[in-house]
Amino acid sequence: MLRARGPGPGALLLRAALGLGRRGRSWQRPQGQDTGVQVHNSLTGRKEPLIVARSDAVSWYSCGPTVYDHAHLGHACSYVRFDIIRRILTRVFGCNVVMAMSITDVDDKIIKRANEMNVTPASLASLFEEEFKQDMAALKVLPPTVYLRVTENIPQIIAFIEGIIAHGHAYSTATGSVYFDLHARGDKYGKLVNTVPSATAEPGSVDTPALLCLLAWRRQSCSPTG
């Protein structure tokens, strides 16, 4: 007779570390359109309805590649998974998905690789962006509705970072880098995965970059158009 085995101690520890299986945490259902899709809510540990703001479109932001090198298996794994979810939303549940994908086409890695190859950062980024698109097409991954490149949104990015600093949620360093101040967010940071920054950690040791690629571009005085 076959019997279902319970999760072992290793699996339980992993679920606890990832913040899975929690019950009782409050979640306020947002106003909007119920898509009919049930998704895992990492705050409550339960399946909850996927609610979207508009009935005519589901907006989806996808973090795209930093185009300083060839795409790799990790890219393929991520974007194929996203594509499967997107197709289920559109073909099974009839959702109109509007997907925006960011392309980081200037940062320290791009500038360093361009210098090594004796080409402009813009030409290097353009080369690998096009190669990335061809690789995704070969995998039958649907293209996003729109691509958003860093170099095409520099003023908006600067204004956004300045706003974060002004509200006390980020700080700049002597080298010109900007970091999110995780302590300023308190228990709001990492709430969905049950992660809280250590109160005894040194400043900057647990914080994350707000936009190092932009500041690297500004430090190098490298034109975003080549």
N, C-alpha and C. Protein backbone atom coordinates (compact mmCIF):
# COMPACT_ATOMS: atom_id res chain seq x y z
N MET A 1 0.84 -1.19 0.00
CA MET A 1 0.00 0.00 0.00
C MET A 1 0.88 1.25 0.00
N LEU A 2 0.60 2.17 -0.88
CA LEU A 2 1.39 3.38 -0.97
C LEU A 2 0.87 4.41 0.02
N ARG A 3 1.80 5.07 0.69
CA ARG A 3 1.43 6.11 1.64
C ARG A 3 2.18 7.38 1.30
N ALA A 4 1.50 8.51 1.49
CA ALA A 4 2.13 9.80 1.21
C ALA A 4 3.13 10.11 2.32
N ARG A 5 4.33 10.46 1.93
CA ARG A 5 5.36 10.83 2.89
C ARG A 5 5.29 12.32 3.17
N GLY A 6 5.45 12.70 4.42
CA GLY A 6 5.50 14.10 4.79
C GLY A 6 6.84 14.69 4.42
N PRO A 7 6.94 16.01 4.37
CA PRO A 7 8.22 16.64 4.04
C PRO A 7 9.26 16.37 5.10
N GLY A 8 10.49 16.10 4.66
CA GLY A 8 11.58 15.86 5.60
C GLY A 8 12.03 17.14 6.27
N PRO A 9 12.93 17.02 7.25
CA PRO A 9 13.40 18.21 7.96
C PRO A 9 14.09 19.21 7.06
N GLY A 10 14.81 18.70 6.04
CA GLY A 10 15.48 19.61 5.12
C GLY A 10 14.49 20.46 4.35
N ALA A 11 13.40 19.83 3.89
CA ALA A 11 12.39 20.56 3.15
C ALA A 11 11.69 21.59 4.02
N LEU A 12 11.44 21.23 5.29
CA LEU A 12 10.79 22.16 6.21
C LEU A 12 11.68 23.36 6.48
N LEU A 13 12.98 23.11 6.64
CA LEU A 13 13.91 24.22 6.87
C LEU A 13 13.97 25.13 5.66
N LEU A 14 13.97 24.53 4.46
CA LEU A 14 14.01 25.32 3.24
C LEU A 14 12.77 26.19 3.12
N ARG A 15 11.61 25.61 3.41
CA ARG A 15 10.36 26.37 3.33
C ARG A 15 10.35 27.50 4.34
N ALA A 16 10.91 27.25 5.51
CA ALA A 16 10.97 28.30 6.53
C ALA A 16 11.90 29.42 6.10
N ALA A 17 13.04 29.04 5.50
CA ALA A 17 14.00 30.05 5.05
C ALA A 17 13.42 30.91 3.94
N LEU A 18 12.59 30.29 3.10
CA LEU A 18 11.98 31.03 2.00
C LEU A 18 10.70 31.73 2.41
N GLY A 19 10.27 31.50 3.65
CA GLY A 19 9.06 32.15 4.13
C GLY A 19 7.79 31.51 3.58
N LEU A 20 7.87 30.21 3.21
CA LEU A 20 6.72 29.53 2.64
C LEU A 20 5.90 28.85 3.74
N GLY A 21 4.64 28.67 3.48
CA GLY A 21 3.80 27.92 4.39
C GLY A 21 3.32 28.72 5.59
N ARG A 22 3.53 30.03 5.61
CA ARG A 22 3.06 30.81 6.75
C ARG A 22 1.57 31.04 6.63
N ARG A 23 0.89 31.09 7.75
CA ARG A 23 -0.53 31.34 7.77
C ARG A 23 -0.83 32.48 8.73
N GLY A 24 -1.94 33.15 8.50
CA GLY A 24 -2.40 34.13 9.46
C GLY A 24 -1.93 35.56 9.20
N ARG A 25 -0.99 35.77 8.29
CA ARG A 25 -0.58 37.14 8.00
C ARG A 25 -1.68 37.83 7.19
N SER A 26 -1.91 39.07 7.54
CA SER A 26 -3.01 39.78 6.91
C SER A 26 -2.63 40.22 5.49
N TRP A 27 -3.61 40.16 4.62
CA TRP A 27 -3.45 40.62 3.24
C TRP A 27 -4.74 41.29 2.84
N GLN A 28 -4.64 42.53 2.42
CA GLN A 28 -5.82 43.28 2.02
C GLN A 28 -6.01 43.14 0.53
N ARG A 29 -7.11 42.55 0.15
CA ARG A 29 -7.39 42.34 -1.27
C ARG A 29 -7.56 43.69 -1.97
N PRO A 30 -6.80 43.93 -3.03
CA PRO A 30 -6.88 45.23 -3.72
C PRO A 30 -8.16 45.35 -4.54
N GLN A 31 -8.50 46.59 -4.86
CA GLN A 31 -9.61 46.84 -5.76
C GLN A 31 -9.17 46.52 -7.18
N GLY A 32 -10.06 46.01 -7.97
CA GLY A 32 -9.71 45.74 -9.36
C GLY A 32 -10.46 44.56 -9.92
N GLN A 33 -9.94 44.05 -11.01
CA GLN A 33 -10.57 42.97 -11.75
C GLN A 33 -9.98 41.63 -11.36
N ASP A 34 -10.84 40.68 -10.99
CA ASP A 34 -10.40 39.32 -10.69
C ASP A 34 -10.21 38.56 -12.00
N THR A 35 -8.97 38.12 -12.25
CA THR A 35 -8.66 37.44 -13.51
C THR A 35 -9.14 35.99 -13.54
N GLY A 36 -9.50 35.45 -12.38
CA GLY A 36 -9.85 34.04 -12.31
C GLY A 36 -8.65 33.14 -12.07
N VAL A 37 -7.47 33.76 -11.97
CA VAL A 37 -6.23 33.02 -11.74
C VAL A 37 -5.93 33.01 -10.25
N GLN A 38 -5.51 31.86 -9.75
CA GLN A 38 -5.07 31.73 -8.36
C GLN A 38 -3.54 31.66 -8.34
N VAL A 39 -2.91 32.50 -7.52
CA VAL A 39 -1.46 32.53 -7.43
C VAL A 39 -1.02 32.38 -5.98
N HIS A 40 0.20 31.90 -5.78
CA HIS A 40 0.72 31.76 -4.42
C HIS A 40 1.06 33.13 -3.85
N ASN A 41 0.52 33.44 -2.69
CA ASN A 41 0.80 34.69 -1.98
C ASN A 41 1.86 34.39 -0.93
N SER A 42 3.08 34.91 -1.14
CA SER A 42 4.17 34.60 -0.21
C SER A 42 4.00 35.28 1.13
N LEU A 43 3.07 36.23 1.25
CA LEU A 43 2.81 36.87 2.53
C LEU A 43 1.94 35.98 3.42
N THR A 44 0.88 35.43 2.84
CA THR A 44 -0.04 34.60 3.63
C THR A 44 0.28 33.12 3.55
N GLY A 45 1.05 32.72 2.54
CA GLY A 45 1.34 31.31 2.36
C GLY A 45 0.20 30.54 1.74
N ARG A 46 -0.76 31.25 1.17
CA ARG A 46 -1.93 30.62 0.56
C ARG A 46 -2.07 31.06 -0.89
N LYS A 47 -2.92 30.35 -1.60
CA LYS A 47 -3.29 30.78 -2.94
C LYS A 47 -4.34 31.87 -2.83
N GLU A 48 -4.13 32.94 -3.60
CA GLU A 48 -5.05 34.08 -3.57
C GLU A 48 -5.40 34.44 -5.02
N PRO A 49 -6.53 35.11 -5.22
CA PRO A 49 -6.90 35.53 -6.58
C PRO A 49 -5.96 36.60 -7.11
N LEU A 50 -5.64 36.51 -8.39
CA LEU A 50 -4.82 37.52 -9.05
C LEU A 50 -5.72 38.68 -9.46
N ILE A 51 -5.55 39.83 -8.80
CA ILE A 51 -6.37 41.01 -9.07
C ILE A 51 -5.53 42.02 -9.85
N VAL A 52 -6.08 42.52 -10.93
CA VAL A 52 -5.37 43.51 -11.74
C VAL A 52 -6.15 44.82 -11.71
N ALA A 53 -5.43 45.91 -11.97
CA ALA A 53 -6.04 47.24 -11.85
C ALA A 53 -7.09 47.50 -12.92
N ARG A 54 -6.85 46.99 -14.12
CA ARG A 54 -7.75 47.27 -15.24
C ARG A 54 -8.31 45.98 -15.81
N SER A 55 -9.55 46.06 -16.26
CA SER A 55 -10.19 44.87 -16.82
C SER A 55 -9.71 44.56 -18.23
N ASP A 56 -9.15 45.58 -18.91
CA ASP A 56 -8.78 45.38 -20.31
C ASP A 56 -7.32 45.02 -20.52
N ALA A 57 -6.50 45.02 -19.44
CA ALA A 57 -5.08 44.72 -19.62
C ALA A 57 -4.43 44.31 -18.31
N VAL A 58 -3.50 43.38 -18.42
CA VAL A 58 -2.67 42.97 -17.29
C VAL A 58 -1.27 43.50 -17.54
N SER A 59 -0.80 44.40 -16.71
CA SER A 59 0.54 44.97 -16.90
C SER A 59 1.58 44.08 -16.24
N TRP A 60 2.68 43.85 -16.94
CA TRP A 60 3.73 42.95 -16.45
C TRP A 60 5.08 43.60 -16.74
N TYR A 61 5.85 43.85 -15.66
CA TYR A 61 7.22 44.34 -15.83
C TYR A 61 8.17 43.16 -15.70
N SER A 62 9.03 42.98 -16.69
CA SER A 62 10.01 41.91 -16.68
C SER A 62 11.41 42.50 -16.70
N CYS A 63 12.22 42.12 -15.72
CA CYS A 63 13.60 42.58 -15.69
C CYS A 63 14.39 41.87 -16.78
N GLY A 64 14.88 42.64 -17.74
CA GLY A 64 15.61 42.05 -18.86
C GLY A 64 17.10 41.94 -18.58
N PRO A 65 17.90 41.61 -19.59
CA PRO A 65 19.32 41.34 -19.40
C PRO A 65 20.16 42.61 -19.34
N THR A 66 21.35 42.48 -18.76
CA THR A 66 22.41 43.48 -18.89
C THR A 66 23.27 43.02 -20.05
N VAL A 67 23.24 43.76 -21.13
CA VAL A 67 23.76 43.24 -22.41
C VAL A 67 25.25 43.56 -22.58
N TYR A 68 26.06 42.82 -21.83
CA TYR A 68 27.51 42.96 -21.96
C TYR A 68 28.16 41.67 -22.46
N ASP A 69 27.34 40.60 -22.62
CA ASP A 69 27.88 39.31 -23.04
C ASP A 69 26.75 38.49 -23.64
N HIS A 70 27.10 37.26 -24.06
CA HIS A 70 26.11 36.36 -24.64
C HIS A 70 25.10 35.93 -23.58
N ALA A 71 23.88 35.64 -24.03
CA ALA A 71 22.88 35.06 -23.14
C ALA A 71 23.33 33.66 -22.73
N HIS A 72 22.88 33.21 -21.55
CA HIS A 72 23.29 31.90 -21.05
C HIS A 72 22.07 31.08 -20.64
N LEU A 73 22.30 29.90 -20.08
CA LEU A 73 21.22 28.99 -19.74
C LEU A 73 20.27 29.59 -18.71
N GLY A 74 20.81 30.40 -17.80
CA GLY A 74 19.96 31.04 -16.80
C GLY A 74 18.94 31.96 -17.43
N HIS A 75 19.36 32.70 -18.47
CA HIS A 75 18.42 33.55 -19.19
C HIS A 75 17.32 32.68 -19.83
N ALA A 76 17.74 31.63 -20.50
CA ALA A 76 16.78 30.76 -21.18
C ALA A 76 15.77 30.19 -20.19
N CYS A 77 16.24 29.71 -19.06
CA CYS A 77 15.37 29.11 -18.05
C CYS A 77 14.34 30.12 -17.56
N SER A 78 14.79 31.33 -17.23
CA SER A 78 13.88 32.35 -16.69
C SER A 78 12.83 32.76 -17.70
N TYR A 79 13.28 33.11 -18.91
CA TYR A 79 12.34 33.68 -19.87
C TYR A 79 11.41 32.65 -20.50
N VAL A 80 11.84 31.40 -20.57
CA VAL A 80 10.92 30.35 -21.02
C VAL A 80 9.82 30.15 -19.99
N ARG A 81 10.18 30.18 -18.70
CA ARG A 81 9.17 30.06 -17.64
C ARG A 81 8.18 31.22 -17.69
N PHE A 82 8.72 32.43 -17.84
CA PHE A 82 7.84 33.59 -17.91
C PHE A 82 6.90 33.48 -19.12
N ASP A 83 7.45 32.98 -20.22
CA ASP A 83 6.65 32.86 -21.44
C ASP A 83 5.50 31.87 -21.25
N ILE A 84 5.77 30.78 -20.55
CA ILE A 84 4.72 29.78 -20.29
C ILE A 84 3.59 30.41 -19.46
N ILE A 85 3.97 31.15 -18.41
CA ILE A 85 2.96 31.81 -17.58
C ILE A 85 2.17 32.83 -18.40
N ARG A 86 2.87 33.58 -19.23
CA ARG A 86 2.21 34.59 -20.06
C ARG A 86 1.23 33.94 -21.02
N ARG A 87 1.60 32.83 -21.63
CA ARG A 87 0.71 32.15 -22.56
C ARG A 87 -0.52 31.59 -21.86
N ILE A 88 -0.33 31.10 -20.64
CA ILE A 88 -1.48 30.59 -19.85
C ILE A 88 -2.45 31.73 -19.56
N LEU A 89 -1.90 32.89 -19.15
CA LEU A 89 -2.75 34.04 -18.86
C LEU A 89 -3.54 34.49 -20.09
N THR A 90 -2.89 34.47 -21.25
CA THR A 90 -3.54 34.98 -22.45
C THR A 90 -4.46 33.94 -23.09
N ARG A 91 -3.98 32.71 -23.23
CA ARG A 91 -4.72 31.72 -24.00
C ARG A 91 -5.75 30.94 -23.19
N VAL A 92 -5.48 30.76 -21.89
CA VAL A 92 -6.42 30.02 -21.05
C VAL A 92 -7.40 30.96 -20.36
N PHE A 93 -6.88 32.07 -19.82
CA PHE A 93 -7.73 32.97 -19.04
C PHE A 93 -8.13 34.22 -19.82
N GLY A 94 -7.65 34.37 -21.05
CA GLY A 94 -8.09 35.47 -21.89
C GLY A 94 -7.60 36.85 -21.48
N CYS A 95 -6.49 36.90 -20.74
CA CYS A 95 -5.96 38.18 -20.30
C CYS A 95 -5.16 38.85 -21.41
N ASN A 96 -5.31 40.15 -21.53
CA ASN A 96 -4.49 40.93 -22.45
C ASN A 96 -3.26 41.41 -21.71
N VAL A 97 -2.14 40.73 -21.89
CA VAL A 97 -0.92 41.03 -21.16
C VAL A 97 -0.10 42.09 -21.88
N VAL A 98 0.18 43.18 -21.19
CA VAL A 98 1.06 44.22 -21.72
C VAL A 98 2.37 44.12 -20.94
N MET A 99 3.41 43.62 -21.60
CA MET A 99 4.68 43.35 -20.93
C MET A 99 5.73 44.37 -21.33
N ALA A 100 6.36 44.97 -20.33
CA ALA A 100 7.49 45.88 -20.56
C ALA A 100 8.75 45.21 -20.02
N MET A 101 9.79 45.14 -20.82
CA MET A 101 11.06 44.54 -20.40
C MET A 101 12.16 45.58 -20.42
N SER A 102 12.88 45.68 -19.31
CA SER A 102 14.00 46.61 -19.24
C SER A 102 15.24 45.99 -19.88
N ILE A 103 16.04 46.82 -20.53
CA ILE A 103 17.33 46.42 -21.07
C ILE A 103 18.38 47.34 -20.46
N THR A 104 19.26 46.78 -19.64
CA THR A 104 20.35 47.57 -19.06
C THR A 104 21.46 47.64 -20.10
N ASP A 105 21.51 48.75 -20.80
CA ASP A 105 22.47 48.89 -21.90
C ASP A 105 23.61 49.84 -21.57
N VAL A 106 23.81 50.15 -20.29
CA VAL A 106 25.00 50.85 -19.83
C VAL A 106 25.19 50.56 -18.35
N ASP A 107 26.36 50.07 -18.00
CA ASP A 107 26.76 49.88 -16.60
C ASP A 107 28.25 49.55 -16.57
N ASP A 108 28.78 49.28 -15.38
CA ASP A 108 30.22 49.03 -15.22
C ASP A 108 30.70 47.88 -16.11
N LYS A 109 29.92 46.79 -16.16
CA LYS A 109 30.33 45.62 -16.93
C LYS A 109 30.41 45.94 -18.42
N ILE A 110 29.43 46.69 -18.90
CA ILE A 110 29.42 47.06 -20.32
C ILE A 110 30.60 47.95 -20.65
N ILE A 111 30.85 48.95 -19.80
CA ILE A 111 31.96 49.87 -20.03
C ILE A 111 33.30 49.12 -20.01
N LYS A 112 33.46 48.22 -19.04
CA LYS A 112 34.71 47.45 -18.93
C LYS A 112 34.91 46.55 -20.14
N ARG A 113 33.86 45.83 -20.56
CA ARG A 113 33.98 44.93 -21.71
C ARG A 113 34.22 45.73 -22.99
N ALA A 114 33.58 46.88 -23.14
CA ALA A 114 33.78 47.71 -24.33
C ALA A 114 35.22 48.21 -24.41
N ASN A 115 35.78 48.60 -23.27
CA ASN A 115 37.18 49.05 -23.25
C ASN A 115 38.12 47.91 -23.64
N GLU A 116 37.81 46.70 -23.16
CA GLU A 116 38.64 45.54 -23.48
C GLU A 116 38.59 45.22 -24.98
N MET A 117 37.43 45.45 -25.60
CA MET A 117 37.26 45.13 -27.01
C MET A 117 37.52 46.33 -27.92
N ASN A 118 37.84 47.47 -27.29
CA ASN A 118 38.13 48.69 -28.04
C ASN A 118 36.97 49.11 -28.93
N VAL A 119 35.77 49.06 -28.35
CA VAL A 119 34.57 49.52 -29.04
C VAL A 119 33.81 50.44 -28.09
N THR A 120 32.80 51.12 -28.58
CA THR A 120 32.01 51.98 -27.72
C THR A 120 31.02 51.14 -26.91
N PRO A 121 30.68 51.59 -25.71
CA PRO A 121 29.68 50.87 -24.92
C PRO A 121 28.36 50.72 -25.66
N ALA A 122 27.96 51.74 -26.41
CA ALA A 122 26.69 51.68 -27.13
C ALA A 122 26.69 50.59 -28.19
N SER A 123 27.79 50.46 -28.94
CA SER A 123 27.86 49.44 -29.99
C SER A 123 27.91 48.04 -29.39
N LEU A 124 28.62 47.89 -28.27
CA LEU A 124 28.67 46.58 -27.60
C LEU A 124 27.30 46.18 -27.11
N ALA A 125 26.61 47.12 -26.45
CA ALA A 125 25.29 46.83 -25.91
C ALA A 125 24.30 46.49 -27.02
N SER A 126 24.38 47.23 -28.12
CA SER A 126 23.49 46.97 -29.25
C SER A 126 23.71 45.58 -29.83
N LEU A 127 24.98 45.18 -29.93
CA LEU A 127 25.33 43.86 -30.47
C LEU A 127 24.71 42.75 -29.63
N PHE A 128 24.92 42.81 -28.32
CA PHE A 128 24.44 41.73 -27.46
C PHE A 128 22.94 41.80 -27.21
N GLU A 129 22.35 42.98 -27.32
CA GLU A 129 20.89 43.07 -27.22
C GLU A 129 20.25 42.35 -28.40
N GLU A 130 20.77 42.59 -29.59
CA GLU A 130 20.22 41.93 -30.76
C GLU A 130 20.43 40.42 -30.69
N GLU A 131 21.57 40.00 -30.19
CA GLU A 131 21.84 38.57 -30.06
C GLU A 131 20.88 37.94 -29.05
N PHE A 132 20.61 38.65 -27.95
CA PHE A 132 19.66 38.16 -26.94
C PHE A 132 18.28 37.97 -27.57
N LYS A 133 17.83 38.93 -28.36
CA LYS A 133 16.52 38.83 -29.00
C LYS A 133 16.46 37.64 -29.94
N GLN A 134 17.54 37.40 -30.68
CA GLN A 134 17.58 36.26 -31.59
C GLN A 134 17.53 34.94 -30.83
N ASP A 135 18.24 34.88 -29.70
CA ASP A 135 18.21 33.66 -28.88
C ASP A 135 16.81 33.40 -28.34
N MET A 136 16.12 34.45 -27.88
CA MET A 136 14.76 34.28 -27.36
C MET A 136 13.81 33.84 -28.47
N ALA A 137 13.99 34.39 -29.66
CA ALA A 137 13.15 34.01 -30.79
C ALA A 137 13.37 32.54 -31.14
N ALA A 138 14.63 32.08 -31.05
CA ALA A 138 14.93 30.67 -31.33
C ALA A 138 14.27 29.74 -30.32
N LEU A 139 14.06 30.24 -29.10
CA LEU A 139 13.38 29.47 -28.05
C LEU A 139 11.87 29.63 -28.11
N LYS A 140 11.37 30.37 -29.09
CA LYS A 140 9.94 30.63 -29.28
C LYS A 140 9.35 31.46 -28.14
N VAL A 141 10.18 32.25 -27.47
CA VAL A 141 9.70 33.13 -26.42
C VAL A 141 9.09 34.37 -27.06
N LEU A 142 7.87 34.69 -26.68
CA LEU A 142 7.21 35.86 -27.25
C LEU A 142 7.94 37.14 -26.84
N PRO A 143 8.11 38.08 -27.74
CA PRO A 143 8.77 39.34 -27.37
C PRO A 143 7.86 40.17 -26.47
N PRO A 144 8.42 41.06 -25.65
CA PRO A 144 7.60 41.93 -24.83
C PRO A 144 6.85 42.94 -25.68
N THR A 145 5.87 43.56 -25.09
CA THR A 145 5.14 44.61 -25.80
C THR A 145 6.04 45.78 -26.11
N VAL A 146 6.93 46.11 -25.16
CA VAL A 146 7.84 47.24 -25.34
C VAL A 146 9.13 46.96 -24.58
N TYR A 147 10.26 47.40 -25.15
CA TYR A 147 11.55 47.35 -24.47
C TYR A 147 11.84 48.73 -23.87
N LEU A 148 12.38 48.75 -22.66
CA LEU A 148 12.75 50.00 -22.00
C LEU A 148 14.25 49.98 -21.73
N ARG A 149 14.99 50.81 -22.46
CA ARG A 149 16.44 50.83 -22.30
C ARG A 149 16.86 51.91 -21.31
N VAL A 150 17.87 51.60 -20.51
CA VAL A 150 18.36 52.56 -19.52
C VAL A 150 18.76 53.86 -20.19
N THR A 151 19.50 53.78 -21.29
CA THR A 151 20.02 54.99 -21.93
C THR A 151 18.92 55.88 -22.49
N GLU A 152 17.72 55.33 -22.67
CA GLU A 152 16.61 56.12 -23.20
C GLU A 152 15.76 56.73 -22.09
N ASN A 153 16.13 56.44 -20.84
CA ASN A 153 15.33 56.91 -19.71
C ASN A 153 16.18 57.50 -18.60
N ILE A 154 17.36 58.03 -18.96
CA ILE A 154 18.28 58.58 -17.96
C ILE A 154 17.64 59.70 -17.12
N PRO A 155 17.00 60.71 -17.72
CA PRO A 155 16.42 61.77 -16.89
C PRO A 155 15.38 61.26 -15.90
N GLN A 156 14.53 60.32 -16.34
CA GLN A 156 13.52 59.77 -15.45
C GLN A 156 14.16 58.97 -14.32
N ILE A 157 15.23 58.24 -14.62
CA ILE A 157 15.91 57.45 -13.61
C ILE A 157 16.56 58.36 -12.57
N ILE A 158 17.21 59.43 -13.03
CA ILE A 158 17.85 60.37 -12.11
C ILE A 158 16.80 60.98 -11.19
N ALA A 159 15.67 61.41 -11.76
CA ALA A 159 14.61 62.02 -10.96
C ALA A 159 14.06 61.03 -9.94
N PHE A 160 13.93 59.76 -10.35
CA PHE A 160 13.40 58.74 -9.44
C PHE A 160 14.36 58.51 -8.27
N ILE A 161 15.66 58.42 -8.58
CA ILE A 161 16.65 58.20 -7.53
C ILE A 161 16.70 59.39 -6.58
N GLU A 162 16.65 60.59 -7.14
CA GLU A 162 16.65 61.78 -6.30
C GLU A 162 15.44 61.79 -5.37
N GLY A 163 14.31 61.31 -5.85
CA GLY A 163 13.12 61.23 -5.01
C GLY A 163 13.28 60.23 -3.88
N ILE A 164 13.93 59.09 -4.18
CA ILE A 164 14.18 58.09 -3.14
C ILE A 164 15.08 58.66 -2.05
N ILE A 165 16.13 59.37 -2.46
CA ILE A 165 17.05 59.98 -1.49
C ILE A 165 16.32 61.03 -0.66
N ALA A 166 15.51 61.86 -1.33
CA ALA A 166 14.78 62.93 -0.64
C ALA A 166 13.83 62.38 0.42
N HIS A 167 13.29 61.20 0.20
CA HIS A 167 12.37 60.59 1.15
C HIS A 167 13.10 59.76 2.21
N GLY A 168 14.43 59.78 2.19
CA GLY A 168 15.20 59.09 3.20
C GLY A 168 15.31 57.59 3.03
N HIS A 169 15.05 57.10 1.83
CA HIS A 169 15.10 55.66 1.60
C HIS A 169 16.35 55.22 0.86
N ALA A 170 17.27 56.14 0.59
CA ALA A 170 18.54 55.81 -0.06
C ALA A 170 19.56 56.86 0.30
N TYR A 171 20.82 56.55 0.05
CA TYR A 171 21.90 57.49 0.37
C TYR A 171 23.03 57.30 -0.64
N SER A 172 23.80 58.36 -0.85
CA SER A 172 24.94 58.29 -1.76
C SER A 172 26.21 58.11 -0.96
N THR A 173 27.22 57.50 -1.60
CA THR A 173 28.50 57.26 -0.95
C THR A 173 29.54 58.21 -1.52
N ALA A 174 30.74 58.18 -0.94
CA ALA A 174 31.82 59.06 -1.38
C ALA A 174 32.23 58.77 -2.82
N THR A 175 32.00 57.53 -3.28
CA THR A 175 32.38 57.17 -4.64
C THR A 175 31.30 57.51 -5.66
N GLY A 176 30.17 58.03 -5.19
CA GLY A 176 29.10 58.41 -6.11
C GLY A 176 28.04 57.35 -6.30
N SER A 177 28.17 56.20 -5.64
CA SER A 177 27.16 55.16 -5.74
C SER A 177 25.97 55.51 -4.84
N VAL A 178 24.82 55.00 -5.19
CA VAL A 178 23.61 55.22 -4.40
C VAL A 178 23.07 53.86 -3.96
N TYR A 179 22.74 53.74 -2.67
CA TYR A 179 22.22 52.49 -2.12
C TYR A 179 20.87 52.72 -1.47
N PHE A 180 19.98 51.71 -1.61
CA PHE A 180 18.76 51.71 -0.84
C PHE A 180 19.11 51.54 0.64
N ASP A 181 18.46 52.29 1.51
CA ASP A 181 18.65 52.15 2.95
C ASP A 181 17.58 51.18 3.46
N LEU A 182 17.97 49.93 3.64
CA LEU A 182 17.01 48.91 4.04
C LEU A 182 16.47 49.15 5.43
N HIS A 183 17.30 49.69 6.32
CA HIS A 183 16.85 49.94 7.68
C HIS A 183 15.73 50.98 7.70
N ALA A 184 15.76 51.91 6.75
CA ALA A 184 14.73 52.95 6.70
C ALA A 184 13.36 52.35 6.38
N ARG A 185 13.34 51.20 5.74
CA ARG A 185 12.08 50.54 5.41
C ARG A 185 11.55 49.73 6.57
N GLY A 186 12.41 49.45 7.57
CA GLY A 186 11.96 48.69 8.74
C GLY A 186 11.47 47.31 8.35
N ASP A 187 10.38 46.86 8.99
CA ASP A 187 9.87 45.52 8.72
C ASP A 187 9.14 45.42 7.39
N LYS A 188 9.01 46.55 6.67
CA LYS A 188 8.38 46.50 5.35
C LYS A 188 9.31 45.84 4.34
N TYR A 189 10.64 45.99 4.55
CA TYR A 189 11.57 45.37 3.61
C TYR A 189 11.58 43.86 3.82
N GLY A 190 11.48 43.13 2.76
CA GLY A 190 11.53 41.66 2.83
C GLY A 190 10.32 41.04 3.47
N LYS A 191 9.22 41.78 3.58
CA LYS A 191 8.03 41.25 4.25
C LYS A 191 7.48 40.03 3.54
N LEU A 192 7.57 40.03 2.21
CA LEU A 192 7.00 38.92 1.45
C LEU A 192 7.82 37.65 1.57
N VAL A 193 9.09 37.76 1.94
CA VAL A 193 9.94 36.57 2.08
C VAL A 193 10.49 36.43 3.49
N ASN A 194 9.91 37.19 4.43
CA ASN A 194 10.27 37.08 5.83
C ASN A 194 11.75 37.36 6.07
N THR A 195 12.27 38.42 5.44
CA THR A 195 13.66 38.80 5.58
C THR A 195 13.74 40.21 6.16
N VAL A 196 14.50 40.36 7.24
CA VAL A 196 14.66 41.66 7.87
C VAL A 196 16.14 41.94 8.01
N PRO A 197 16.63 43.12 7.59
CA PRO A 197 18.06 43.43 7.71
C PRO A 197 18.49 43.48 9.17
N SER A 198 19.72 43.04 9.42
CA SER A 198 20.24 43.03 10.78
C SER A 198 20.44 44.44 11.29
N ALA A 199 20.03 44.69 12.53
CA ALA A 199 20.17 46.02 13.12
C ALA A 199 21.61 46.35 13.47
N THR A 200 22.47 45.31 13.54
CA THR A 200 23.86 45.52 13.93
C THR A 200 24.80 45.58 12.74
N ALA A 201 24.27 45.42 11.53
CA ALA A 201 25.13 45.41 10.35
C ALA A 201 25.69 46.80 10.08
N GLU A 202 26.86 46.82 9.45
CA GLU A 202 27.47 48.08 9.10
C GLU A 202 26.70 48.75 7.96
N PRO A 203 26.64 50.08 7.92
CA PRO A 203 25.96 50.77 6.82
C PRO A 203 26.55 50.35 5.48
N GLY A 204 25.68 50.04 4.56
CA GLY A 204 26.11 49.65 3.23
C GLY A 204 26.33 48.16 3.08
N SER A 205 26.52 47.44 4.19
CA SER A 205 26.83 46.02 4.07
C SER A 205 25.60 45.19 3.74
N VAL A 206 24.42 45.69 4.07
CA VAL A 206 23.20 44.94 3.77
C VAL A 206 22.33 45.69 2.78
N ASP A 207 22.74 46.87 2.38
CA ASP A 207 21.94 47.65 1.46
C ASP A 207 22.22 47.24 0.02
N THR A 208 21.35 47.65 -0.87
CA THR A 208 21.46 47.24 -2.27
C THR A 208 21.55 48.46 -3.17
N PRO A 209 22.22 48.31 -4.33
CA PRO A 209 22.39 49.47 -5.23
C PRO A 209 21.06 49.98 -5.75
N ALA A 210 20.89 51.29 -5.76
CA ALA A 210 19.69 51.88 -6.36
C ALA A 210 19.82 51.90 -7.87
N LEU A 211 20.95 52.33 -8.36
CA LEU A 211 21.22 52.24 -9.79
C LEU A 211 22.69 52.50 -10.05
N LEU A 212 23.51 51.49 -9.81
CA LEU A 212 24.94 51.65 -9.99
C LEU A 212 25.31 51.85 -11.45
N CYS A 213 24.50 51.28 -12.36
CA CYS A 213 24.85 51.41 -13.78
C CYS A 213 24.79 52.87 -14.21
N LEU A 214 23.79 53.60 -13.75
CA LEU A 214 23.69 55.01 -14.11
C LEU A 214 24.85 55.81 -13.55
N LEU A 215 25.19 55.56 -12.29
CA LEU A 215 26.24 56.33 -11.66
C LEU A 215 27.60 55.96 -12.23
N ALA A 216 27.75 54.71 -12.66
CA ALA A 216 29.00 54.32 -13.32
C ALA A 216 29.16 55.08 -14.63
N TRP A 217 28.05 55.21 -15.34
CA TRP A 217 28.08 55.96 -16.61
C TRP A 217 28.47 57.41 -16.35
N ARG A 218 27.93 58.01 -15.28
CA ARG A 218 28.22 59.40 -14.98
C ARG A 218 29.67 59.57 -14.54
N ARG A 219 30.20 58.58 -13.77
CA ARG A 219 31.59 58.69 -13.30
C ARG A 219 32.56 58.57 -14.46
N GLN A 220 32.23 57.71 -15.44
CA GLN A 220 33.13 57.48 -16.56
C GLN A 220 33.01 58.57 -17.63
N SER A 221 32.03 59.47 -17.47
CA SER A 221 31.78 60.52 -18.47
C SER A 221 31.67 59.91 -19.87
N CYS A 222 30.93 58.83 -19.93
CA CYS A 222 30.79 58.09 -21.18
C CYS A 222 29.43 58.37 -21.77
N SER A 223 29.37 58.89 -22.97
CA SER A 223 28.09 59.24 -23.59
C SER A 223 27.24 58.00 -23.77
N PRO A 224 25.94 58.04 -23.38
CA PRO A 224 25.10 56.88 -23.53
C PRO A 224 24.80 56.54 -24.99
N THR A 225 25.10 57.43 -25.88
CA THR A 225 24.88 57.14 -27.29
C THR A 225 26.16 56.77 -28.02
N GLY A 226 27.22 56.55 -27.24
CA GLY A 226 28.45 56.10 -27.87
C GLY A 226 29.51 57.16 -27.87
